[in-house]
Amino acid sequence: MRQFIYTVLLISCLPVWSQDDRIDSLLNDLLYSENEPIIVSKPPVHLNFLYAGVNFNSNTYYAGREIGDDRYNATGYLYFYSSKGLFLGLSGNWYDELTPGYTTTTLSAGYYRAIDKKKVLTFRTSYNRYFYNQPDTSLDYPYKNNFNVGLSFRKKWFGARAGTSLLFGQDFGMNFSAGMNTRITILKFGKSNKIYTSPDLSVFFGSETVEMETSGSQAATDLKDVYSLLNTQLNLPLCISLGDFDLELGYSVNFPATQDEKTTYPVGSYYSLSVGYFLPIY
């Protein structure tokens, strides 16, 4: 039961981690077009942006492990960005076949900045606070805070990122993720409309509890926390930008890994749909 509760809590944090990748992508788009920076080092006007959207996934995974059979989930979010480097966010997560279905509200605050003259390297840090929808007040939620630090690189058609998340509250956890992607424009039409794809390959490292055989005269097993590679993911999205709207249809494949010799996890896949609206505020 304790392991199941921890799993539910961790999948409640999953959209936050994927949103961090989305933040990296959005911040790079604010700083860059395909060739030149959008926001120069000294912008003539202080620019603010709002980004609102919803994301739907056809199945739910934690570190490549499927949680139930075709248990879909949805996340709604609203973010504020400033060219001065500040961003604030509000998001909510809903899961199929969980009671309650609406599990978590997350408040986010962070800061980003390009750290080189050519503006190809961006630093980002953020803090997330979780507010759980808990009908059972006797249930403890070990992770209520999440602190993130990350770096992202973008030069023309190639991008890469790496980041660490620290989960803390009544308990402590840490994970590391890294990835790389490329952007390929398929079609441009109108002044600001285009269709493109951005294949992404990422890895996720974290801690898992595995059974370890103990040495001695009698065979026995012991539980041990091991920090290692948990999942490799390939994401293949088709993105459509229509003015201030963007639509993304994605297909993701998980290749889970484990240090538990007695356990194997199958390769899994799911579909995703994201719709967002981008509003500049001058």
C-alpha atoms as a PDB file:
ATOM      1  CA  MET A   1       0.000   0.000   0.000  1.00  0.00           C
ATOM      2  CA  ARG A   2       2.788   2.425   0.889  1.00  0.00           C
ATOM      3  CA  GLN A   3       4.477   1.794  -2.485  1.00  0.00           C
ATOM      4  CA  PHE A   4       1.152   2.355  -4.288  1.00  0.00           C
ATOM      5  CA  ILE A   5       0.603   5.651  -2.469  1.00  0.00           C
ATOM      6  CA  TYR A   6       4.113   6.818  -3.370  1.00  0.00           C
ATOM      7  CA  THR A   7       3.465   5.892  -7.000  1.00  0.00           C
ATOM      8  CA  VAL A   8       0.247   7.919  -7.060  1.00  0.00           C
ATOM      9  CA  LEU A   9       2.110  10.875  -5.565  1.00  0.00           C
ATOM     10  CA  LEU A  10       4.896  10.566  -8.103  1.00  0.00           C
ATOM     11  CA  ILE A  11       2.569  10.436 -11.102  1.00  0.00           C
ATOM     12  CA  SER A  12       0.937  13.577  -9.682  1.00  0.00           C
ATOM     13  CA  CYS A  13       4.345  15.213 -10.136  1.00  0.00           C
ATOM     14  CA  LEU A  14       4.842  13.847 -13.655  1.00  0.00           C
ATOM     15  CA  PRO A  15       3.077  16.660 -15.526  1.00  0.00           C
ATOM     16  CA  VAL A  16       5.262  19.141 -13.625  1.00  0.00           C
ATOM     17  CA  TRP A  17       8.396  17.483 -14.984  1.00  0.00           C
ATOM     18  CA  SER A  18       7.005  17.456 -18.529  1.00  0.00           C
ATOM     19  CA  GLN A  19       5.929  21.066 -18.065  1.00  0.00           C
ATOM     20  CA  ASP A  20       9.544  21.922 -17.173  1.00  0.00           C
ATOM     21  CA  ASP A  21      10.540  20.585 -20.596  1.00  0.00           C
ATOM     22  CA  ARG A  22       7.726  22.640 -22.102  1.00  0.00           C
ATOM     23  CA  ILE A  23       8.988  25.716 -20.233  1.00  0.00           C
ATOM     24  CA  ASP A  24      12.463  25.170 -21.704  1.00  0.00           C
ATOM     25  CA  SER A  25      10.915  25.007 -25.174  1.00  0.00           C
ATOM     26  CA  LEU A  26       8.817  28.128 -24.633  1.00  0.00           C
ATOM     27  CA  LEU A  27      11.703  30.119 -23.196  1.00  0.00           C
ATOM     28  CA  ASN A  28      13.868  29.181 -26.156  1.00  0.00           C
ATOM     29  CA  ASP A  29      11.086  30.322 -28.472  1.00  0.00           C
ATOM     30  CA  LEU A  30      10.939  33.639 -26.609  1.00  0.00           C
ATOM     31  CA  LEU A  31      14.696  34.085 -26.972  1.00  0.00           C
ATOM     32  CA  TYR A  32      15.032  32.755 -30.509  1.00  0.00           C
ATOM     33  CA  SER A  33      13.397  32.476 -33.845  1.00  0.00           C
ATOM     34  CA  GLU A  34      15.006  30.007 -36.273  1.00  0.00           C
ATOM     35  CA  ASN A  35      17.917  32.383 -36.932  1.00  0.00           C
ATOM     36  CA  GLU A  36      17.931  35.470 -34.728  1.00  0.00           C
ATOM     37  CA  PRO A  37      17.016  36.323 -31.114  1.00  0.00           C
ATOM     38  CA  ILE A  38      13.505  37.662 -30.586  1.00  0.00           C
ATOM     39  CA  ILE A  39      14.436  39.256 -27.282  1.00  0.00           C
ATOM     40  CA  VAL A  40      17.709  41.164 -27.609  1.00  0.00           C
ATOM     41  CA  SER A  41      19.988  41.969 -24.690  1.00  0.00           C
ATOM     42  CA  LYS A  42      18.369  45.385 -24.223  1.00  0.00           C
ATOM     43  CA  PRO A  43      14.782  45.202 -25.495  1.00  0.00           C
ATOM     44  CA  PRO A  44      13.304  48.640 -26.263  1.00  0.00           C
ATOM     45  CA  VAL A  45      10.048  47.660 -24.556  1.00  0.00           C
ATOM     46  CA  HIS A  46       9.453  45.480 -21.503  1.00  0.00           C
ATOM     47  CA  LEU A  47       7.609  42.458 -22.918  1.00  0.00           C
ATOM     48  CA  ASN A  48       5.317  40.112 -21.004  1.00  0.00           C
ATOM     49  CA  PHE A  49       3.628  36.940 -22.232  1.00  0.00           C
ATOM     50  CA  LEU A  50       0.757  34.725 -21.128  1.00  0.00           C
ATOM     51  CA  TYR A  51       0.587  31.107 -22.206  1.00  0.00           C
ATOM     52  CA  ALA A  52      -2.485  28.992 -21.469  1.00  0.00           C
ATOM     53  CA  GLY A  53      -3.118  25.452 -22.573  1.00  0.00           C
ATOM     54  CA  VAL A  54      -4.240  21.915 -21.913  1.00  0.00           C
ATOM     55  CA  ASN A  55      -2.422  18.628 -22.449  1.00  0.00           C
ATOM     56  CA  PHE A  56      -4.034  15.188 -22.833  1.00  0.00           C
ATOM     57  CA  ASN A  57      -2.171  11.839 -22.679  1.00  0.00           C
ATOM     58  CA  SER A  58      -3.777   8.545 -23.691  1.00  0.00           C
ATOM     59  CA  ASN A  59      -1.928   6.602 -20.978  1.00  0.00           C
ATOM     60  CA  THR A  60      -0.121   7.301 -17.690  1.00  0.00           C
ATOM     61  CA  TYR A  61       3.450   6.274 -16.933  1.00  0.00           C
ATOM     62  CA  TYR A  62       5.953   6.837 -14.186  1.00  0.00           C
ATOM     63  CA  ALA A  63       9.581   6.468 -15.365  1.00  0.00           C
ATOM     64  CA  GLY A  64       8.362   4.332 -18.274  1.00  0.00           C
ATOM     65  CA  ARG A  65       6.227   2.087 -16.072  1.00  0.00           C
ATOM     66  CA  GLU A  66       2.575   1.910 -17.018  1.00  0.00           C
ATOM     67  CA  ILE A  67       0.152   2.835 -14.206  1.00  0.00           C
ATOM     68  CA  GLY A  68      -2.944   0.728 -14.918  1.00  0.00           C
ATOM     69  CA  ASP A  69      -4.341  -0.091 -18.352  1.00  0.00           C
ATOM     70  CA  ASP A  70      -4.811   2.916 -20.643  1.00  0.00           C
ATOM     71  CA  ARG A  71      -5.259   5.277 -17.705  1.00  0.00           C
ATOM     72  CA  TYR A  72      -5.385   8.635 -19.455  1.00  0.00           C
ATOM     73  CA  ASN A  73      -4.653  11.993 -17.851  1.00  0.00           C
ATOM     74  CA  ALA A  74      -5.074  15.693 -18.557  1.00  0.00           C
ATOM     75  CA  THR A  75      -3.261  18.813 -17.365  1.00  0.00           C
ATOM     76  CA  GLY A  76      -4.405  22.419 -17.651  1.00  0.00           C
ATOM     77  CA  TYR A  77      -1.914  25.262 -17.151  1.00  0.00           C
ATOM     78  CA  LEU A  78      -1.478  29.027 -17.250  1.00  0.00           C
ATOM     79  CA  TYR A  79       1.965  30.664 -17.294  1.00  0.00           C
ATOM     80  CA  PHE A  80       3.191  34.254 -17.181  1.00  0.00           C
ATOM     81  CA  TYR A  81       6.577  35.087 -18.709  1.00  0.00           C
ATOM     82  CA  SER A  82       8.568  38.314 -18.624  1.00  0.00           C
ATOM     83  CA  SER A  83      11.536  39.335 -20.771  1.00  0.00           C
ATOM     84  CA  LYS A  84      13.174  40.334 -17.478  1.00  0.00           C
ATOM     85  CA  GLY A  85      13.501  36.628 -16.675  1.00  0.00           C
ATOM     86  CA  LEU A  86      10.561  35.903 -14.345  1.00  0.00           C
ATOM     87  CA  PHE A  87       7.891  33.278 -14.929  1.00  0.00           C
ATOM     88  CA  LEU A  88       4.892  32.247 -12.792  1.00  0.00           C
ATOM     89  CA  GLY A  89       2.545  29.334 -13.324  1.00  0.00           C
ATOM     90  CA  LEU A  90      -0.603  27.558 -12.188  1.00  0.00           C
ATOM     91  CA  SER A  91      -1.550  24.032 -13.250  1.00  0.00           C
ATOM     92  CA  GLY A  92      -3.925  21.231 -12.321  1.00  0.00           C
ATOM     93  CA  ASN A  93      -3.775  17.461 -12.954  1.00  0.00           C
ATOM     94  CA  TRP A  94      -6.604  15.004 -13.566  1.00  0.00           C
ATOM     95  CA  TYR A  95      -6.279  11.186 -13.836  1.00  0.00           C
ATOM     96  CA  ASP A  96      -8.673   8.549 -15.056  1.00  0.00           C
ATOM     97  CA  GLU A  97      -9.798   5.868 -12.544  1.00  0.00           C
ATOM     98  CA  LEU A  98      -8.365   7.647  -9.503  1.00  0.00           C
ATOM     99  CA  THR A  99     -10.566   8.902  -6.673  1.00  0.00           C
ATOM    100  CA  PRO A 100     -10.587  11.837  -6.675  1.00  0.00           C
ATOM    101  CA  GLY A 101      -9.757  12.240 -10.360  1.00  0.00           C
ATOM    102  CA  TYR A 102      -8.492  15.754  -9.817  1.00  0.00           C
ATOM    103  CA  THR A 103      -5.365  15.118  -7.759  1.00  0.00           C
ATOM    104  CA  THR A 104      -3.070  18.135  -7.579  1.00  0.00           C
ATOM    105  CA  THR A 105      -2.876  21.887  -7.996  1.00  0.00           C
ATOM    106  CA  THR A 106       0.637  23.216  -8.573  1.00  0.00           C
ATOM    107  CA  LEU A 107       1.909  26.762  -8.145  1.00  0.00           C
ATOM    108  CA  SER A 108       5.205  27.550  -9.875  1.00  0.00           C
ATOM    109  CA  ALA A 109       7.667  30.437  -9.829  1.00  0.00           C
ATOM    110  CA  GLY A 110      11.019  30.669 -11.548  1.00  0.00           C
ATOM    111  CA  TYR A 111      13.694  32.642 -13.311  1.00  0.00           C
ATOM    112  CA  TYR A 112      15.548  32.198 -16.592  1.00  0.00           C
ATOM    113  CA  ARG A 113      18.417  33.992 -18.315  1.00  0.00           C
ATOM    114  CA  ALA A 114      20.676  33.538 -21.316  1.00  0.00           C
ATOM    115  CA  ILE A 115      24.199  33.203 -19.911  1.00  0.00           C
ATOM    116  CA  ASP A 116      26.358  33.717 -23.010  1.00  0.00           C
ATOM    117  CA  LYS A 117      26.719  36.578 -25.480  1.00  0.00           C
ATOM    118  CA  LYS A 118      25.381  34.591 -28.421  1.00  0.00           C
ATOM    119  CA  LYS A 119      22.381  33.542 -26.326  1.00  0.00           C
ATOM    120  CA  VAL A 120      22.584  29.843 -27.153  1.00  0.00           C
ATOM    121  CA  LEU A 121      22.762  28.707 -23.504  1.00  0.00           C
ATOM    122  CA  THR A 122      19.926  29.421 -21.050  1.00  0.00           C
ATOM    123  CA  PHE A 123      19.833  28.871 -17.289  1.00  0.00           C
ATOM    124  CA  ARG A 124      16.518  28.131 -15.554  1.00  0.00           C
ATOM    125  CA  THR A 125      15.530  27.596 -11.952  1.00  0.00           C
ATOM    126  CA  SER A 126      12.048  27.111 -10.519  1.00  0.00           C
ATOM    127  CA  TYR A 127      10.119  26.157  -7.420  1.00  0.00           C
ATOM    128  CA  ASN A 128       6.850  24.178  -7.443  1.00  0.00           C
ATOM    129  CA  ARG A 129       4.437  23.880  -4.531  1.00  0.00           C
ATOM    130  CA  TYR A 130       1.907  21.031  -4.595  1.00  0.00           C
ATOM    131  CA  PHE A 131      -1.588  21.288  -3.107  1.00  0.00           C
ATOM    132  CA  TYR A 132      -3.176  17.824  -3.016  1.00  0.00           C
ATOM    133  CA  ASN A 133      -6.892  17.135  -3.237  1.00  0.00           C
ATOM    134  CA  GLN A 134      -7.079  14.691  -0.323  1.00  0.00           C
ATOM    135  CA  PRO A 135     -10.484  13.429   0.874  1.00  0.00           C
ATOM    136  CA  ASP A 136      -8.669  11.116   3.294  1.00  0.00           C
ATOM    137  CA  THR A 137      -6.948  13.518   5.695  1.00  0.00           C
ATOM    138  CA  SER A 138      -5.125  10.635   7.389  1.00  0.00           C
ATOM    139  CA  LEU A 139      -3.065  10.034   4.232  1.00  0.00           C
ATOM    140  CA  ASP A 140       0.422  11.548   4.353  1.00  0.00           C
ATOM    141  CA  TYR A 141       1.863  13.219   1.269  1.00  0.00           C
ATOM    142  CA  PRO A 142       5.665  13.056   1.517  1.00  0.00           C
ATOM    143  CA  TYR A 143       6.458  15.458  -1.347  1.00  0.00           C
ATOM    144  CA  LYS A 144       4.954  18.935  -1.265  1.00  0.00           C
ATOM    145  CA  ASN A 145       7.829  20.912  -2.756  1.00  0.00           C
ATOM    146  CA  ASN A 146       9.926  20.636  -5.890  1.00  0.00           C
ATOM    147  CA  PHE A 147      13.025  22.711  -6.650  1.00  0.00           C
ATOM    148  CA  ASN A 148      14.435  22.555 -10.197  1.00  0.00           C
ATOM    149  CA  VAL A 149      17.665  23.725 -11.808  1.00  0.00           C
ATOM    150  CA  GLY A 150      18.360  23.290 -15.504  1.00  0.00           C
ATOM    151  CA  LEU A 151      20.359  24.370 -18.536  1.00  0.00           C
ATOM    152  CA  SER A 152      19.163  24.386 -22.129  1.00  0.00           C
ATOM    153  CA  PHE A 153      21.054  24.862 -25.382  1.00  0.00           C
ATOM    154  CA  ARG A 154      19.571  25.970 -28.677  1.00  0.00           C
ATOM    155  CA  LYS A 155      21.378  26.810 -31.908  1.00  0.00           C
ATOM    156  CA  LYS A 156      19.339  26.937 -35.077  1.00  0.00           C
ATOM    157  CA  TRP A 157      17.814  23.467 -35.585  1.00  0.00           C
ATOM    158  CA  PHE A 158      19.447  21.649 -32.647  1.00  0.00           C
ATOM    159  CA  GLY A 159      18.572  21.789 -28.945  1.00  0.00           C
ATOM    160  CA  ALA A 160      19.630  20.028 -25.743  1.00  0.00           C
ATOM    161  CA  ARG A 161      18.772  20.287 -22.049  1.00  0.00           C
ATOM    162  CA  ALA A 162      19.687  18.882 -18.653  1.00  0.00           C
ATOM    163  CA  GLY A 163      18.135  19.432 -15.238  1.00  0.00           C
ATOM    164  CA  THR A 164      17.810  18.206 -11.674  1.00  0.00           C
ATOM    165  CA  SER A 165      14.665  18.154  -9.524  1.00  0.00           C
ATOM    166  CA  LEU A 166      14.701  17.949  -5.723  1.00  0.00           C
ATOM    167  CA  LEU A 167      11.465  16.730  -4.111  1.00  0.00           C
ATOM    168  CA  PHE A 168      11.080  17.399  -0.415  1.00  0.00           C
ATOM    169  CA  GLY A 169       8.561  17.651   2.422  1.00  0.00           C
ATOM    170  CA  GLN A 170       8.143  14.765   4.854  1.00  0.00           C
ATOM    171  CA  ASP A 171      10.523  12.799   2.628  1.00  0.00           C
ATOM    172  CA  PHE A 172      13.280  13.608   0.121  1.00  0.00           C
ATOM    173  CA  GLY A 173      13.814  12.516  -3.460  1.00  0.00           C
ATOM    174  CA  MET A 174      15.970  13.560  -6.392  1.00  0.00           C
ATOM    175  CA  ASN A 175      15.903  12.912 -10.132  1.00  0.00           C
ATOM    176  CA  PHE A 176      17.950  13.947 -13.138  1.00  0.00           C
ATOM    177  CA  SER A 177      16.845  14.242 -16.745  1.00  0.00           C
ATOM    178  CA  ALA A 178      18.533  15.181 -20.001  1.00  0.00           C
ATOM    179  CA  GLY A 179      17.507  15.277 -23.617  1.00  0.00           C
ATOM    180  CA  MET A 180      18.197  16.509 -27.106  1.00  0.00           C
ATOM    181  CA  ASN A 181      15.976  17.434 -30.005  1.00  0.00           C
ATOM    182  CA  THR A 182      15.975  18.779 -33.510  1.00  0.00           C
ATOM    183  CA  ARG A 183      13.455  21.048 -35.237  1.00  0.00           C
ATOM    184  CA  ILE A 184      12.484  20.409 -38.852  1.00  0.00           C
ATOM    185  CA  THR A 185      10.148  22.840 -40.625  1.00  0.00           C
ATOM    186  CA  ILE A 186       7.723  21.053 -42.939  1.00  0.00           C
ATOM    187  CA  LEU A 187       5.672  23.954 -44.265  1.00  0.00           C
ATOM    188  CA  LYS A 188       5.408  27.720 -43.814  1.00  0.00           C
ATOM    189  CA  PHE A 189       2.323  29.689 -44.799  1.00  0.00           C
ATOM    190  CA  GLY A 190       1.177  33.217 -44.045  1.00  0.00           C
ATOM    191  CA  LYS A 191       3.283  35.574 -41.921  1.00  0.00           C
ATOM    192  CA  SER A 192       3.597  33.464 -38.794  1.00  0.00           C
ATOM    193  CA  ASN A 193       2.055  30.067 -39.537  1.00  0.00           C
ATOM    194  CA  LYS A 194       4.021  26.856 -39.921  1.00  0.00           C
ATOM    195  CA  ILE A 195       3.986  23.097 -39.528  1.00  0.00           C
ATOM    196  CA  TYR A 196       7.065  21.461 -38.089  1.00  0.00           C
ATOM    197  CA  THR A 197       8.293  18.458 -36.156  1.00  0.00           C
ATOM    198  CA  SER A 198      10.713  18.298 -33.230  1.00  0.00           C
ATOM    199  CA  PRO A 199      11.830  14.715 -32.479  1.00  0.00           C
ATOM    200  CA  ASP A 200      13.101  14.439 -28.892  1.00  0.00           C
ATOM    201  CA  LEU A 201      15.201  11.791 -27.156  1.00  0.00           C
ATOM    202  CA  SER A 202      15.441  12.004 -23.343  1.00  0.00           C
ATOM    203  CA  VAL A 203      16.699   9.996 -20.363  1.00  0.00           C
ATOM    204  CA  PHE A 204      15.418   9.966 -16.786  1.00  0.00           C
ATOM    205  CA  PHE A 205      17.483   8.964 -13.728  1.00  0.00           C
ATOM    206  CA  GLY A 206      16.021   8.391 -10.282  1.00  0.00           C
ATOM    207  CA  SER A 207      15.791   6.067  -7.296  1.00  0.00           C
ATOM    208  CA  GLU A 208      13.898   2.785  -7.202  1.00  0.00           C
ATOM    209  CA  THR A 209      13.514   0.057  -4.596  1.00  0.00           C
ATOM    210  CA  VAL A 210      14.861  -3.303  -5.774  1.00  0.00           C
ATOM    211  CA  GLU A 211      15.256  -6.757  -4.232  1.00  0.00           C
ATOM    212  CA  MET A 212      18.879  -7.650  -3.545  1.00  0.00           C
ATOM    213  CA  GLU A 213      20.075 -11.135  -2.567  1.00  0.00           C
ATOM    214  CA  THR A 214      22.020 -11.183   0.697  1.00  0.00           C
ATOM    215  CA  SER A 215      25.120 -13.303   1.229  1.00  0.00           C
ATOM    216  CA  GLY A 216      25.197 -15.940   3.939  1.00  0.00           C
ATOM    217  CA  SER A 217      24.378 -19.541   4.680  1.00  0.00           C
ATOM    218  CA  GLN A 218      20.665 -19.015   4.040  1.00  0.00           C
ATOM    219  CA  ALA A 219      19.279 -17.479   0.878  1.00  0.00           C
ATOM    220  CA  ALA A 220      17.423 -14.235   1.547  1.00  0.00           C
ATOM    221  CA  THR A 221      16.478 -11.024  -0.147  1.00  0.00           C
ATOM    222  CA  ASP A 222      16.650  -7.462   1.056  1.00  0.00           C
ATOM    223  CA  LEU A 223      15.109  -4.232  -0.245  1.00  0.00           C
ATOM    224  CA  LYS A 224      17.526  -1.523  -1.315  1.00  0.00           C
ATOM    225  CA  ASP A 225      17.139   1.920  -2.893  1.00  0.00           C
ATOM    226  CA  VAL A 226      19.231   2.187  -6.062  1.00  0.00           C
ATOM    227  CA  TYR A 227      19.807   5.370  -8.104  1.00  0.00           C
ATOM    228  CA  SER A 228      20.122   4.615 -11.821  1.00  0.00           C
ATOM    229  CA  LEU A 229      18.664   5.081 -15.285  1.00  0.00           C
ATOM    230  CA  LEU A 230      14.910   4.474 -15.092  1.00  0.00           C
ATOM    231  CA  ASN A 231      13.655   5.360 -18.561  1.00  0.00           C
ATOM    232  CA  THR A 232      14.614   6.430 -22.068  1.00  0.00           C
ATOM    233  CA  GLN A 233      11.890   8.135 -24.072  1.00  0.00           C
ATOM    234  CA  LEU A 234      11.513   8.940 -27.748  1.00  0.00           C
ATOM    235  CA  ASN A 235       8.919  11.593 -28.562  1.00  0.00           C
ATOM    236  CA  LEU A 236       7.734  12.265 -32.121  1.00  0.00           C
ATOM    237  CA  PRO A 237       5.506  15.361 -32.293  1.00  0.00           C
ATOM    238  CA  LEU A 238       3.763  17.120 -35.150  1.00  0.00           C
ATOM    239  CA  CYS A 239       3.409  20.807 -34.291  1.00  0.00           C
ATOM    240  CA  ILE A 240       1.190  23.401 -35.918  1.00  0.00           C
ATOM    241  CA  SER A 241       1.560  27.134 -35.194  1.00  0.00           C
ATOM    242  CA  LEU A 242      -1.364  29.318 -36.251  1.00  0.00           C
ATOM    243  CA  GLY A 243      -0.625  32.861 -35.153  1.00  0.00           C
ATOM    244  CA  ASP A 244      -0.928  32.877 -31.365  1.00  0.00           C
ATOM    245  CA  PHE A 245      -2.309  29.322 -31.234  1.00  0.00           C
ATOM    246  CA  ASP A 246      -0.268  26.150 -31.272  1.00  0.00           C
ATOM    247  CA  LEU A 247      -1.352  22.535 -31.585  1.00  0.00           C
ATOM    248  CA  GLU A 248       0.827  19.502 -30.958  1.00  0.00           C
ATOM    249  CA  LEU A 249       0.032  15.871 -31.767  1.00  0.00           C
ATOM    250  CA  GLY A 250       2.596  13.512 -30.285  1.00  0.00           C
ATOM    251  CA  TYR A 251       3.543   9.861 -30.127  1.00  0.00           C
ATOM    252  CA  SER A 252       5.926   8.766 -27.346  1.00  0.00           C
ATOM    253  CA  VAL A 253       7.705   5.459 -26.742  1.00  0.00           C
ATOM    254  CA  ASN A 254       9.112   4.509 -23.319  1.00  0.00           C
ATOM    255  CA  PHE A 255      12.056   2.132 -22.871  1.00  0.00           C
ATOM    256  CA  PRO A 256      12.086   1.510 -19.089  1.00  0.00           C
ATOM    257  CA  ALA A 257      15.166   0.181 -17.304  1.00  0.00           C
ATOM    258  CA  THR A 258      15.621  -1.362 -13.866  1.00  0.00           C
ATOM    259  CA  GLN A 259      18.364  -2.732 -11.646  1.00  0.00           C
ATOM    260  CA  ASP A 260      16.001  -5.410 -10.277  1.00  0.00           C
ATOM    261  CA  GLU A 261      17.102  -8.663 -11.927  1.00  0.00           C
ATOM    262  CA  LYS A 262      13.773 -10.313 -11.092  1.00  0.00           C
ATOM    263  CA  THR A 263      11.646  -7.640 -12.739  1.00  0.00           C
ATOM    264  CA  THR A 264      11.222  -6.601 -16.346  1.00  0.00           C
ATOM    265  CA  TYR A 265       9.149  -3.728 -17.710  1.00  0.00           C
ATOM    266  CA  PRO A 266       7.741  -3.831 -21.249  1.00  0.00           C
ATOM    267  CA  VAL A 267       8.252  -1.088 -23.805  1.00  0.00           C
ATOM    268  CA  GLY A 268       5.179   1.165 -23.791  1.00  0.00           C
ATOM    269  CA  SER A 269       3.776   3.959 -25.903  1.00  0.00           C
ATOM    270  CA  TYR A 270       1.058   6.590 -25.783  1.00  0.00           C
ATOM    271  CA  TYR A 271      -0.446   9.457 -27.763  1.00  0.00           C
ATOM    272  CA  SER A 272      -0.678  13.059 -26.619  1.00  0.00           C
ATOM    273  CA  LEU A 273      -2.534  16.185 -27.670  1.00  0.00           C
ATOM    274  CA  SER A 274      -1.654  19.717 -26.552  1.00  0.00           C
ATOM    275  CA  VAL A 275      -3.430  22.964 -27.380  1.00  0.00           C
ATOM    276  CA  GLY A 276      -2.044  26.312 -26.285  1.00  0.00           C
ATOM    277  CA  TYR A 277      -2.616  30.043 -26.723  1.00  0.00           C
ATOM    278  CA  PHE A 278       0.237  32.546 -26.624  1.00  0.00           C
ATOM    279  CA  LEU A 279      -0.657  36.145 -25.726  1.00  0.00           C
ATOM    280  CA  PRO A 280       1.975  38.947 -25.841  1.00  0.00           C
ATOM    281  CA  ILE A 281       1.416  41.784 -23.363  1.00  0.00           C
ATOM    282  CA  TYR A 282       3.311  45.032 -24.045  1.00  0.00           C
END
